[in-house]
N, C-alpha and C. Protein backbone atom coordinates (compact mmCIF):
# COMPACT_ATOMS: atom_id res chain seq x y z
N MET A 1 14.33 -13.01 -16.19
CA MET A 1 14.19 -12.89 -14.84
C MET A 1 15.03 -14.04 -13.95
N GLU A 2 16.06 -13.50 -13.11
CA GLU A 2 16.88 -14.55 -12.51
C GLU A 2 16.13 -15.32 -11.51
N GLY A 3 15.77 -16.63 -10.92
CA GLY A 3 15.44 -17.29 -10.34
C GLY A 3 15.01 -16.52 -8.94
N GLU A 4 16.41 -16.09 -8.16
CA GLU A 4 16.35 -15.43 -6.79
C GLU A 4 15.46 -13.81 -6.86
N LEU A 5 15.43 -13.51 -7.95
CA LEU A 5 14.42 -12.18 -8.18
C LEU A 5 12.97 -12.98 -7.77
N ILE A 6 12.67 -13.85 -8.58
CA ILE A 6 11.08 -14.29 -8.77
C ILE A 6 10.83 -14.86 -7.27
N ALA A 7 11.65 -15.53 -6.55
CA ALA A 7 11.34 -15.81 -5.37
C ALA A 7 11.71 -14.98 -4.57
N ASN A 8 12.36 -13.88 -4.32
CA ASN A 8 12.22 -12.32 -3.62
C ASN A 8 10.95 -12.15 -3.88
N ALA A 9 10.39 -11.82 -4.83
CA ALA A 9 9.06 -11.13 -5.49
C ALA A 9 7.81 -11.98 -4.69
N ARG A 10 8.31 -13.35 -4.46
CA ARG A 10 7.02 -14.04 -3.79
C ARG A 10 6.78 -13.59 -2.32
N THR A 11 8.00 -13.81 -2.09
CA THR A 11 8.38 -13.80 -0.31
C THR A 11 7.96 -12.34 0.01
N MET A 12 8.49 -11.38 -0.44
CA MET A 12 8.42 -10.06 -0.18
C MET A 12 6.90 -9.43 -0.61
N GLY A 13 6.27 -10.14 -1.85
CA GLY A 13 5.11 -9.69 -2.04
C GLY A 13 4.19 -10.12 -0.91
N ASP A 14 4.30 -11.56 -0.43
CA ASP A 14 3.55 -11.90 0.80
C ASP A 14 3.24 -11.07 1.74
N ARG A 15 4.80 -10.59 2.21
CA ARG A 15 4.86 -9.88 3.53
C ARG A 15 4.24 -8.62 3.17
N LEU A 16 4.46 -8.05 1.95
CA LEU A 16 3.49 -6.87 1.85
C LEU A 16 2.34 -6.82 2.01
N MET A 17 1.77 -8.02 1.18
CA MET A 17 0.35 -8.18 1.52
C MET A 17 -0.26 -8.54 2.53
N ALA A 18 0.38 -9.34 3.46
CA ALA A 18 -0.29 -9.48 4.78
C ALA A 18 -0.05 -8.24 6.01
N GLY A 19 0.97 -7.20 5.20
CA GLY A 19 1.05 -5.76 6.21
C GLY A 19 -0.08 -5.00 5.87
N VAL A 20 -0.43 -5.07 4.45
CA VAL A 20 -1.56 -3.77 3.81
C VAL A 20 -2.87 -4.37 4.55
N ARG A 21 -2.98 -5.83 4.79
CA ARG A 21 -4.23 -6.55 4.97
C ARG A 21 -4.37 -6.17 6.46
N ARG A 22 -3.01 -6.04 7.42
CA ARG A 22 -3.27 -5.63 8.68
C ARG A 22 -3.81 -4.23 8.76
N LEU A 23 -3.25 -3.60 7.88
CA LEU A 23 -3.81 -1.83 7.89
C LEU A 23 -5.33 -1.67 7.81
N ALA A 24 -5.64 -2.97 6.33
CA ALA A 24 -6.95 -2.90 6.35
C ALA A 24 -8.06 -2.96 7.66
N GLU A 25 -7.50 -3.86 8.59
CA GLU A 25 -8.04 -4.17 9.56
C GLU A 25 -8.51 -3.35 10.75
N ARG A 26 -7.35 -2.10 10.39
CA ARG A 26 -7.09 -1.06 11.52
C ARG A 26 -8.07 0.00 10.85
N TYR A 27 -7.96 0.10 9.57
CA TYR A 27 -8.66 1.51 9.10
C TYR A 27 -9.70 1.34 7.94
N PRO A 28 -11.14 1.42 8.18
CA PRO A 28 -12.18 1.25 7.45
C PRO A 28 -12.26 2.00 6.36
N VAL A 29 -11.19 3.09 6.06
CA VAL A 29 -10.88 3.79 4.78
C VAL A 29 -10.32 2.94 3.69
N ILE A 30 -9.64 1.79 3.84
CA ILE A 30 -9.33 0.52 3.30
C ILE A 30 -10.40 -0.13 2.25
N GLY A 31 -10.65 -0.08 1.36
CA GLY A 31 -11.90 -0.74 1.31
C GLY A 31 -11.38 -2.09 0.34
N ASP A 32 -10.42 -2.28 -0.19
CA ASP A 32 -10.02 -3.28 -1.02
C ASP A 32 -8.49 -3.53 -1.04
N VAL A 33 -7.88 -4.60 -1.04
CA VAL A 33 -6.68 -4.75 -1.29
C VAL A 33 -6.47 -6.25 -2.29
N ARG A 34 -5.97 -5.95 -3.21
CA ARG A 34 -5.62 -6.72 -4.36
C ARG A 34 -4.10 -6.96 -4.95
N GLY A 35 -3.82 -7.62 -5.30
CA GLY A 35 -2.57 -8.35 -6.07
C GLY A 35 -2.14 -9.41 -6.51
N LEU A 36 -1.06 -9.35 -6.82
CA LEU A 36 -0.32 -10.56 -6.95
C LEU A 36 1.39 -10.07 -7.03
N GLY A 37 2.11 -10.89 -6.48
CA GLY A 37 3.58 -10.67 -5.93
C GLY A 37 3.77 -9.24 -5.33
N LEU A 38 4.65 -8.70 -6.05
CA LEU A 38 5.05 -7.21 -5.39
C LEU A 38 3.74 -5.89 -5.97
N MET A 39 2.90 -6.37 -6.81
CA MET A 39 2.12 -5.61 -7.43
C MET A 39 0.69 -5.59 -6.92
N ILE A 40 0.62 -4.49 -5.99
CA ILE A 40 -0.41 -4.60 -4.89
C ILE A 40 -1.42 -3.42 -5.14
N GLY A 41 -2.73 -3.22 -4.90
CA GLY A 41 -3.63 -2.02 -5.28
C GLY A 41 -4.33 -2.23 -3.82
N VAL A 42 -3.92 -0.79 -3.32
CA VAL A 42 -5.17 -0.80 -2.08
C VAL A 42 -6.00 0.38 -2.29
N GLU A 43 -7.46 -0.08 -2.26
CA GLU A 43 -8.47 0.66 -2.85
C GLU A 43 -8.91 1.28 -1.41
N PHE A 44 -9.13 2.67 -1.87
CA PHE A 44 -9.76 3.68 -0.43
C PHE A 44 -11.10 4.02 -0.83
N VAL A 45 -12.08 3.79 0.15
CA VAL A 45 -13.22 4.35 0.32
C VAL A 45 -13.73 5.03 1.34
N ARG A 46 -14.83 5.98 1.10
CA ARG A 46 -14.92 7.10 2.18
C ARG A 46 -15.81 6.13 3.10
N ASP A 47 -16.76 4.81 2.78
CA ASP A 47 -17.28 4.08 3.29
C ASP A 47 -17.30 2.34 2.88
N ARG A 48 -17.17 1.94 3.56
CA ARG A 48 -17.00 0.55 3.14
C ARG A 48 -18.47 -0.59 2.40
N ALA A 49 -19.61 -0.23 2.82
CA ALA A 49 -20.73 -0.21 2.36
C ALA A 49 -21.03 0.14 1.14
N THR A 50 -20.74 1.48 0.98
CA THR A 50 -21.00 2.52 -0.26
C THR A 50 -20.19 2.48 -1.31
N ARG A 51 -19.04 1.87 -1.07
CA ARG A 51 -17.67 2.10 -1.69
C ARG A 51 -17.16 3.48 -2.38
N GLU A 52 -18.05 4.14 -2.07
CA GLU A 52 -17.71 5.70 -2.48
C GLU A 52 -15.97 5.93 -2.57
N PRO A 53 -15.42 6.70 -3.24
CA PRO A 53 -13.93 6.55 -3.59
C PRO A 53 -13.46 7.89 -2.90
N ALA A 54 -12.74 7.48 -2.21
CA ALA A 54 -11.86 8.54 -1.08
C ALA A 54 -10.65 9.04 -1.73
N THR A 55 -11.17 9.86 -2.95
CA THR A 55 -9.84 10.33 -3.84
C THR A 55 -9.06 11.28 -3.08
N ASP A 56 -9.79 12.38 -2.24
CA ASP A 56 -8.54 13.06 -1.45
C ASP A 56 -7.58 12.74 -0.67
N LEU A 57 -8.05 11.72 -0.21
CA LEU A 57 -7.49 11.05 1.08
C LEU A 57 -6.38 10.07 0.34
N VAL A 58 -6.50 9.60 -0.96
CA VAL A 58 -5.04 9.08 -1.48
C VAL A 58 -4.37 9.99 -2.03
N ASN A 59 -4.66 11.09 -2.43
CA ASN A 59 -4.05 12.45 -2.90
C ASN A 59 -3.33 12.85 -1.86
N ALA A 60 -3.58 12.97 -0.27
CA ALA A 60 -3.10 13.51 0.72
C ALA A 60 -2.35 12.31 1.34
N LEU A 61 -2.39 10.98 1.28
CA LEU A 61 -1.57 10.11 1.41
C LEU A 61 -0.49 9.96 0.88
N VAL A 62 -0.21 10.02 -0.41
CA VAL A 62 0.65 10.22 -1.45
C VAL A 62 1.71 11.43 -0.94
N GLN A 63 1.23 12.41 -0.81
CA GLN A 63 1.92 13.63 -0.28
C GLN A 63 2.49 13.57 0.79
N MET A 64 1.93 13.17 1.85
CA MET A 64 2.81 12.84 3.33
C MET A 64 3.66 11.72 3.45
N ALA A 65 3.39 10.85 2.64
CA ALA A 65 4.27 9.81 2.66
C ALA A 65 5.52 10.40 1.57
N PHE A 66 5.38 10.89 0.82
CA PHE A 66 6.62 11.62 -0.04
C PHE A 66 7.33 12.56 1.12
N GLY A 67 6.69 13.22 1.81
CA GLY A 67 7.26 14.19 2.57
C GLY A 67 8.19 13.57 3.75
N LYS A 68 7.71 11.89 4.14
CA LYS A 68 8.51 11.20 4.80
C LYS A 68 9.69 10.31 4.07
N GLY A 69 9.76 10.32 3.11
CA GLY A 69 10.89 9.59 2.35
C GLY A 69 10.11 8.38 1.57
N VAL A 70 8.93 8.35 1.71
CA VAL A 70 8.19 7.23 0.76
C VAL A 70 7.36 7.47 -0.60
N LEU A 71 8.09 6.95 -1.60
CA LEU A 71 7.25 7.41 -2.90
C LEU A 71 5.78 6.51 -3.15
N LEU A 72 5.10 6.96 -3.01
CA LEU A 72 3.70 6.15 -3.44
C LEU A 72 3.05 6.66 -4.75
N LEU A 73 2.52 5.51 -5.52
CA LEU A 73 1.74 6.14 -6.80
C LEU A 73 0.20 5.95 -6.75
N GLY A 74 -0.33 6.98 -6.93
CA GLY A 74 -2.02 6.83 -6.95
C GLY A 74 -2.25 6.07 -8.09
N CYS A 75 -3.58 5.35 -8.30
CA CYS A 75 -3.86 4.72 -9.78
C CYS A 75 -5.41 4.86 -9.66
N GLY A 76 -5.74 5.08 -10.86
CA GLY A 76 -7.20 5.49 -11.02
C GLY A 76 -7.77 6.40 -9.91
N ARG A 77 -8.88 6.04 -9.66
CA ARG A 77 -9.81 7.37 -8.81
C ARG A 77 -9.04 7.36 -7.61
N SER A 78 -9.02 6.21 -6.79
CA SER A 78 -8.84 6.05 -5.26
C SER A 78 -8.10 4.68 -5.00
N THR A 79 -7.06 4.54 -5.73
CA THR A 79 -6.30 3.44 -5.37
C THR A 79 -5.13 3.66 -5.06
N LEU A 80 -4.31 3.18 -4.88
CA LEU A 80 -3.01 3.03 -4.28
C LEU A 80 -1.90 2.03 -4.66
N ARG A 81 -1.10 2.25 -5.75
CA ARG A 81 -0.51 1.46 -6.15
C ARG A 81 0.80 0.95 -5.78
N LEU A 82 1.21 0.02 -5.19
CA LEU A 82 2.28 -0.39 -4.48
C LEU A 82 3.03 -1.41 -5.33
N ALA A 83 4.27 -0.75 -6.00
CA ALA A 83 5.03 -1.28 -6.62
C ALA A 83 6.60 -1.36 -6.30
N PRO A 84 7.37 -1.97 -5.33
CA PRO A 84 8.51 -2.03 -4.73
C PRO A 84 9.23 -2.66 -6.01
N PRO A 85 10.53 -2.50 -6.22
CA PRO A 85 11.30 -3.24 -6.99
C PRO A 85 11.48 -4.48 -6.53
N LEU A 86 12.04 -5.59 -7.34
CA LEU A 86 11.96 -6.87 -7.39
C LEU A 86 13.07 -7.32 -6.26
N ILE A 87 14.16 -6.37 -6.25
CA ILE A 87 15.26 -6.52 -5.00
C ILE A 87 14.73 -5.90 -3.47
N VAL A 88 13.71 -5.50 -3.51
CA VAL A 88 13.34 -5.16 -2.20
C VAL A 88 13.33 -6.22 -0.88
N ASP A 89 13.53 -5.63 0.22
CA ASP A 89 14.19 -6.71 1.27
C ASP A 89 12.77 -6.54 2.29
N ALA A 90 13.31 -7.33 3.27
CA ALA A 90 12.25 -7.23 4.62
C ALA A 90 12.09 -5.46 5.28
N VAL A 91 13.27 -5.22 5.42
CA VAL A 91 13.56 -3.81 6.10
C VAL A 91 12.69 -2.74 5.21
N ASP A 92 12.67 -2.94 4.30
CA ASP A 92 12.20 -1.78 3.23
C ASP A 92 10.62 -1.95 3.12
N ILE A 93 10.12 -3.05 3.18
CA ILE A 93 8.73 -3.52 3.20
C ILE A 93 8.37 -2.83 4.57
N ASP A 94 8.70 -3.48 5.58
CA ASP A 94 8.46 -2.99 6.92
C ASP A 94 8.18 -1.76 7.15
N THR A 95 9.47 -0.61 6.68
CA THR A 95 9.56 0.69 6.73
C THR A 95 8.36 1.31 6.10
N GLY A 96 8.07 0.88 5.00
CA GLY A 96 7.23 1.35 4.15
C GLY A 96 5.86 1.39 4.39
N LEU A 97 5.64 -0.22 4.95
CA LEU A 97 4.34 -0.32 5.75
C LEU A 97 3.86 0.76 7.15
N ALA A 98 4.76 1.28 7.79
CA ALA A 98 5.08 1.89 8.95
C ALA A 98 4.79 3.35 8.62
N VAL A 99 5.23 3.82 7.49
CA VAL A 99 5.10 5.25 6.97
C VAL A 99 3.47 5.03 6.54
N ILE A 100 3.43 4.35 5.96
CA ILE A 100 1.63 4.26 5.57
C ILE A 100 0.80 4.26 6.77
N ASP A 101 0.94 3.32 7.78
CA ASP A 101 0.46 3.28 8.97
C ASP A 101 0.44 4.66 9.70
N GLU A 102 1.44 5.31 9.77
CA GLU A 102 1.36 6.67 10.34
C GLU A 102 0.74 7.29 9.66
N CYS A 103 1.07 7.70 8.41
CA CYS A 103 0.49 8.76 7.42
C CYS A 103 -1.38 8.58 7.54
N LEU A 104 -1.67 7.40 7.51
CA LEU A 104 -3.18 6.86 7.74
C LEU A 104 -3.99 7.31 8.82
N ALA A 105 -2.89 6.95 10.31
CA ALA A 105 -3.27 7.50 11.57
C ALA A 105 -3.55 8.82 11.74
N ALA A 106 -2.58 9.57 10.75
CA ALA A 106 -2.91 11.33 10.93
C ALA A 106 -4.07 11.35 9.78
N LEU A 107 -4.39 10.93 8.80
CA LEU A 107 -5.50 11.20 7.81
C LEU A 107 -6.68 10.68 8.10
N ALA A 108 -6.65 9.68 8.56
CA ALA A 108 -7.87 8.88 8.25
C ALA A 108 -9.16 9.16 9.95
């Protein structure tokens, strides 16, 4: 791996994680955010107290985001896997986060 790709993964991963954590503050359906670098998992729940998985929400989010040009991947029962390429830039991170925010506003 090239040195600048590793540095970019760290920088953009921090940007992505911060953006997803801001979304978690806005949307109580986000039960957990975890990850390292550009590999981030966002767990969706019906209720943060019971941690009941929100499987239907994840499926709807993936479909809606795809319709807006952003490819997302579900993982497990109710987790969204964010894994952009190592060459991702700030514009792409911010665009992806904005689409997720827009979709959650409509779905949650």
